[in-house]
Amino acid sequence: MNPTEPTGKARTAAEIRSWLAAQISGQIGLPSAEIDVRKPFAAFGLSSRDAVGMSGVEPLHTSF
Protein backbone atom coordinates (compact mmCIF):
# COMPACT_ATOMS: atom_id res chain seq x y z
CA MET A 1 0.00 0.00 0.00
CA ASN A 2 1.20 3.46 -0.85
CA PRO A 3 -1.01 6.26 0.52
CA THR A 4 0.23 8.59 -2.22
CA GLU A 5 -1.22 6.43 -5.00
CA PRO A 6 -4.88 7.11 -5.81
CA THR A 7 -7.05 4.02 -5.44
CA GLY A 8 -10.52 5.51 -5.29
CA LYS A 9 -10.98 4.50 -1.65
CA ALA A 10 -10.02 6.20 1.56
CA ARG A 11 -7.32 4.60 3.70
CA THR A 12 -8.13 3.74 7.29
CA ALA A 13 -6.01 5.11 10.12
CA ALA A 14 -4.83 1.56 10.84
CA GLU A 15 -3.70 1.09 7.22
CA ILE A 16 -1.76 4.35 7.29
CA ARG A 17 -0.13 3.50 10.64
CA SER A 18 0.88 0.11 9.29
CA TRP A 19 2.34 1.68 6.13
CA LEU A 20 4.23 4.27 8.17
CA ALA A 21 5.65 1.63 10.52
CA ALA A 22 6.84 -0.38 7.50
CA GLN A 23 8.48 2.70 5.96
CA ILE A 24 10.30 3.59 9.19
CA SER A 25 11.26 -0.05 9.66
CA GLY A 26 12.82 -0.12 6.22
CA GLN A 27 14.84 3.00 6.98
CA ILE A 28 16.20 1.97 10.39
CA GLY A 29 16.13 -1.83 10.33
CA LEU A 30 13.81 -2.44 13.30
CA PRO A 31 10.83 -4.77 12.92
CA SER A 32 7.60 -2.90 12.15
CA ALA A 33 6.04 -4.24 15.34
CA GLU A 34 8.63 -2.33 17.37
CA ILE A 35 7.89 1.03 15.72
CA ASP A 36 5.69 3.42 17.71
CA VAL A 37 4.33 5.71 14.99
CA ARG A 38 3.28 8.26 17.63
CA LYS A 39 6.94 9.10 18.23
CA PRO A 40 8.58 11.88 16.23
CA PHE A 41 10.86 10.85 13.37
CA ALA A 42 13.83 12.27 15.28
CA ALA A 43 13.31 9.55 17.93
CA PHE A 44 14.32 7.07 15.21
CA GLY A 45 17.23 9.17 13.98
CA LEU A 46 15.25 10.32 10.95
CA SER A 47 14.98 13.85 9.56
CA SER A 48 12.24 15.72 7.75
CA ARG A 49 14.15 14.96 4.56
CA ASP A 50 13.78 11.24 5.34
CA ALA A 51 10.04 11.79 5.85
CA VAL A 52 9.70 13.42 2.44
CA GLY A 53 11.60 10.54 0.89
CA MET A 54 9.19 8.04 2.44
CA SER A 55 6.18 9.99 1.17
CA GLY A 56 7.07 9.44 -2.46
CA VAL A 57 6.93 13.18 -3.15
CA GLU A 58 9.54 14.26 -5.64
CA PRO A 59 12.27 16.37 -4.04
CA LEU A 60 11.87 20.09 -4.66
CA HIS A 61 15.24 20.49 -6.36
CA THR A 62 14.23 18.05 -9.12
CA SER A 63 10.79 19.57 -9.61
CA PHE A 64 12.03 22.79 -11.19
C-alpha atoms as a PDB file:
ATOM      1  CA  MET A   1       0.000   0.000   0.000  1.00  0.00           C
ATOM      2  CA  ASN A   2       1.197   3.460  -0.852  1.00  0.00           C
ATOM      3  CA  PRO A   3      -1.006   6.255   0.515  1.00  0.00           C
ATOM      4  CA  THR A   4       0.234   8.589  -2.217  1.00  0.00           C
ATOM      5  CA  GLU A   5      -1.222   6.432  -5.005  1.00  0.00           C
ATOM      6  CA  PRO A   6      -4.880   7.112  -5.807  1.00  0.00           C
ATOM      7  CA  THR A   7      -7.045   4.025  -5.439  1.00  0.00           C
ATOM      8  CA  GLY A   8     -10.520   5.511  -5.290  1.00  0.00           C
ATOM      9  CA  LYS A   9     -10.977   4.500  -1.648  1.00  0.00           C
ATOM     10  CA  ALA A  10     -10.017   6.201   1.558  1.00  0.00           C
ATOM     11  CA  ARG A  11      -7.319   4.596   3.701  1.00  0.00           C
ATOM     12  CA  THR A  12      -8.130   3.744   7.289  1.00  0.00           C
ATOM     13  CA  ALA A  13      -6.013   5.115  10.117  1.00  0.00           C
ATOM     14  CA  ALA A  14      -4.829   1.558  10.840  1.00  0.00           C
ATOM     15  CA  GLU A  15      -3.696   1.087   7.225  1.00  0.00           C
ATOM     16  CA  ILE A  16      -1.760   4.346   7.295  1.00  0.00           C
ATOM     17  CA  ARG A  17      -0.134   3.496  10.640  1.00  0.00           C
ATOM     18  CA  SER A  18       0.883   0.108   9.291  1.00  0.00           C
ATOM     19  CA  TRP A  19       2.336   1.676   6.129  1.00  0.00           C
ATOM     20  CA  LEU A  20       4.230   4.274   8.173  1.00  0.00           C
ATOM     21  CA  ALA A  21       5.652   1.629  10.517  1.00  0.00           C
ATOM     22  CA  ALA A  22       6.836  -0.383   7.504  1.00  0.00           C
ATOM     23  CA  GLN A  23       8.477   2.699   5.961  1.00  0.00           C
ATOM     24  CA  ILE A  24      10.301   3.593   9.188  1.00  0.00           C
ATOM     25  CA  SER A  25      11.262  -0.051   9.663  1.00  0.00           C
ATOM     26  CA  GLY A  26      12.817  -0.117   6.217  1.00  0.00           C
ATOM     27  CA  GLN A  27      14.839   3.000   6.982  1.00  0.00           C
ATOM     28  CA  ILE A  28      16.203   1.970  10.387  1.00  0.00           C
ATOM     29  CA  GLY A  29      16.130  -1.832  10.333  1.00  0.00           C
ATOM     30  CA  LEU A  30      13.815  -2.443  13.300  1.00  0.00           C
ATOM     31  CA  PRO A  31      10.834  -4.773  12.921  1.00  0.00           C
ATOM     32  CA  SER A  32       7.600  -2.901  12.147  1.00  0.00           C
ATOM     33  CA  ALA A  33       6.041  -4.238  15.340  1.00  0.00           C
ATOM     34  CA  GLU A  34       8.631  -2.327  17.370  1.00  0.00           C
ATOM     35  CA  ILE A  35       7.886   1.034  15.723  1.00  0.00           C
ATOM     36  CA  ASP A  36       5.688   3.424  17.714  1.00  0.00           C
ATOM     37  CA  VAL A  37       4.332   5.710  14.993  1.00  0.00           C
ATOM     38  CA  ARG A  38       3.282   8.258  17.633  1.00  0.00           C
ATOM     39  CA  LYS A  39       6.938   9.102  18.234  1.00  0.00           C
ATOM     40  CA  PRO A  40       8.583  11.878  16.230  1.00  0.00           C
ATOM     41  CA  PHE A  41      10.860  10.851  13.368  1.00  0.00           C
ATOM     42  CA  ALA A  42      13.826  12.269  15.284  1.00  0.00           C
ATOM     43  CA  ALA A  43      13.312   9.548  17.927  1.00  0.00           C
ATOM     44  CA  PHE A  44      14.321   7.067  15.210  1.00  0.00           C
ATOM     45  CA  GLY A  45      17.228   9.170  13.983  1.00  0.00           C
ATOM     46  CA  LEU A  46      15.245  10.323  10.950  1.00  0.00           C
ATOM     47  CA  SER A  47      14.981  13.847   9.561  1.00  0.00           C
ATOM     48  CA  SER A  48      12.237  15.719   7.748  1.00  0.00           C
ATOM     49  CA  ARG A  49      14.149  14.960   4.561  1.00  0.00           C
ATOM     50  CA  ASP A  50      13.781  11.242   5.338  1.00  0.00           C
ATOM     51  CA  ALA A  51      10.039  11.788   5.847  1.00  0.00           C
ATOM     52  CA  VAL A  52       9.697  13.425   2.437  1.00  0.00           C
ATOM     53  CA  GLY A  53      11.601  10.536   0.891  1.00  0.00           C
ATOM     54  CA  MET A  54       9.189   8.043   2.437  1.00  0.00           C
ATOM     55  CA  SER A  55       6.183   9.993   1.172  1.00  0.00           C
ATOM     56  CA  GLY A  56       7.066   9.439  -2.460  1.00  0.00           C
ATOM     57  CA  VAL A  57       6.925  13.178  -3.154  1.00  0.00           C
ATOM     58  CA  GLU A  58       9.544  14.260  -5.643  1.00  0.00           C
ATOM     59  CA  PRO A  59      12.273  16.371  -4.040  1.00  0.00           C
ATOM     60  CA  LEU A  60      11.871  20.087  -4.657  1.00  0.00           C
ATOM     61  CA  HIS A  61      15.235  20.489  -6.362  1.00  0.00           C
ATOM     62  CA  THR A  62      14.235  18.046  -9.115  1.00  0.00           C
ATOM     63  CA  SER A  63      10.789  19.573  -9.606  1.00  0.00           C
ATOM     64  CA  PHE A  64      12.030  22.790 -11.189  1.00  0.00           C
END
